Amino acid sequence: MVGLDNETLTTGRTLMKSRTIEVKGMSCNHCVQSVTQVLSAIEGVAAVKVDLLGGTATYDETKAVPELEIKTAIERAGFIAGMYK
C-alpha cells in the first residue's frame, strides 16, 4: 500500500478514504440518527459514525464525494457543517 496514508484502506478493488467533518448543533441521539441517515443516503458514503460529544461525523468514501454535497446534506438536516479534520 505504498503511497496511501493511514486513513485510506484498500479492500479488493474498492478504495475507501475515511473523512471526518465537524457537525455543530447536535444535542441528542435523535440528532445523531438524523445526521447518520442523511449521510448514509449519499452515494459513495459508507460506515457513518456520528460522535455527539465530539461534534463530528466520520464516514468512508467508496468513491469521491464532493465536500459541498456532504455539507449541504448536513445543513438540510438542520445542523451546521464545520471544517473537515
Protein backbone atom coordinates (compact mmCIF):
# COMPACT_ATOMS: atom_id res chain seq x y z
CA MET A 1 0.00 0.00 0.00
CA VAL A 2 2.77 2.37 -0.93
CA GLY A 3 1.55 5.93 -1.42
CA LEU A 4 -1.57 5.59 0.72
CA ASP A 5 -1.95 7.43 4.00
CA ASN A 6 -3.11 5.74 7.21
CA GLU A 7 -6.72 6.83 6.63
CA THR A 8 -7.00 5.14 3.25
CA LEU A 9 -7.94 1.46 3.14
CA THR A 10 -7.77 -0.92 0.22
CA THR A 11 -10.29 -3.72 0.17
CA GLY A 12 -10.20 -5.72 -3.03
CA ARG A 13 -10.81 -3.28 -5.86
CA THR A 14 -12.55 -0.68 -3.71
CA LEU A 15 -10.50 2.25 -2.44
CA MET A 16 -12.03 3.84 0.67
CA LYS A 17 -10.91 7.00 2.39
CA SER A 18 -12.06 7.89 5.89
CA ARG A 19 -13.22 11.51 6.32
CA THR A 20 -14.24 13.43 9.46
CA ILE A 21 -16.26 16.64 9.48
CA GLU A 22 -17.42 18.86 12.33
CA VAL A 23 -21.18 18.91 12.91
CA LYS A 24 -22.49 21.70 15.14
CA GLY A 25 -25.93 21.91 16.71
CA MET A 26 -26.41 18.28 17.74
CA SER A 27 -27.84 17.85 21.24
CA CYS A 28 -29.30 14.34 21.46
CA ASN A 29 -29.34 10.84 19.99
CA HIS A 30 -32.10 11.84 17.58
CA CYS A 31 -29.65 14.38 16.11
CA VAL A 32 -27.08 11.60 15.73
CA GLN A 33 -29.63 9.45 13.92
CA SER A 34 -30.61 12.32 11.61
CA VAL A 35 -27.03 13.04 10.57
CA THR A 36 -26.32 9.32 10.17
CA GLN A 37 -29.35 8.90 7.91
CA VAL A 38 -28.66 11.87 5.63
CA LEU A 39 -25.01 10.95 5.16
CA SER A 40 -25.76 7.25 4.64
CA ALA A 41 -28.19 8.18 1.86
CA ILE A 42 -25.40 9.74 -0.23
CA GLU A 43 -24.00 7.51 -2.94
CA GLY A 44 -20.35 6.78 -2.19
CA VAL A 45 -20.70 7.20 1.60
CA ALA A 46 -20.41 4.17 3.89
CA ALA A 47 -19.82 3.30 7.55
CA VAL A 48 -21.10 6.58 9.01
CA LYS A 49 -20.25 7.14 12.68
CA VAL A 50 -21.51 10.28 14.40
CA ASP A 51 -19.94 11.39 17.71
CA LEU A 52 -22.41 13.52 19.68
CA LEU A 53 -19.94 14.62 22.36
CA GLY A 54 -17.14 15.28 19.89
CA GLY A 55 -19.44 17.04 17.43
CA THR A 56 -18.15 15.11 14.43
CA ALA A 57 -19.25 12.71 11.73
CA THR A 58 -16.81 10.20 10.29
CA TYR A 59 -17.53 8.22 7.15
CA ASP A 60 -15.79 6.19 4.47
CA GLU A 61 -15.87 7.25 0.84
CA THR A 62 -16.21 4.34 -1.57
CA LYS A 63 -15.87 6.88 -4.38
CA ALA A 64 -15.09 10.59 -4.43
CA VAL A 65 -17.91 12.64 -2.88
CA PRO A 66 -17.77 16.44 -3.13
CA GLU A 67 -17.41 18.15 0.25
CA LEU A 68 -20.21 20.52 -0.74
CA GLU A 69 -22.61 17.57 -1.11
CA ILE A 70 -21.79 16.39 2.42
CA LYS A 71 -22.08 19.87 3.91
CA THR A 72 -25.37 20.54 2.12
CA ALA A 73 -26.88 17.29 3.41
CA ILE A 74 -25.87 18.12 6.99
CA GLU A 75 -27.28 21.65 6.73
CA ARG A 76 -30.56 20.49 5.16
CA ALA A 77 -30.95 18.21 8.18
CA GLY A 78 -30.83 21.32 10.38
CA PHE A 79 -27.23 21.29 11.58
CA ILE A 80 -24.12 23.35 10.85
CA ALA A 81 -21.40 21.67 8.83
CA GLY A 82 -17.98 22.78 10.03
CA MET A 83 -14.45 22.11 8.87
CA TYR A 84 -13.01 18.80 7.80
CA LYS A 85 -10.46 17.36 10.21
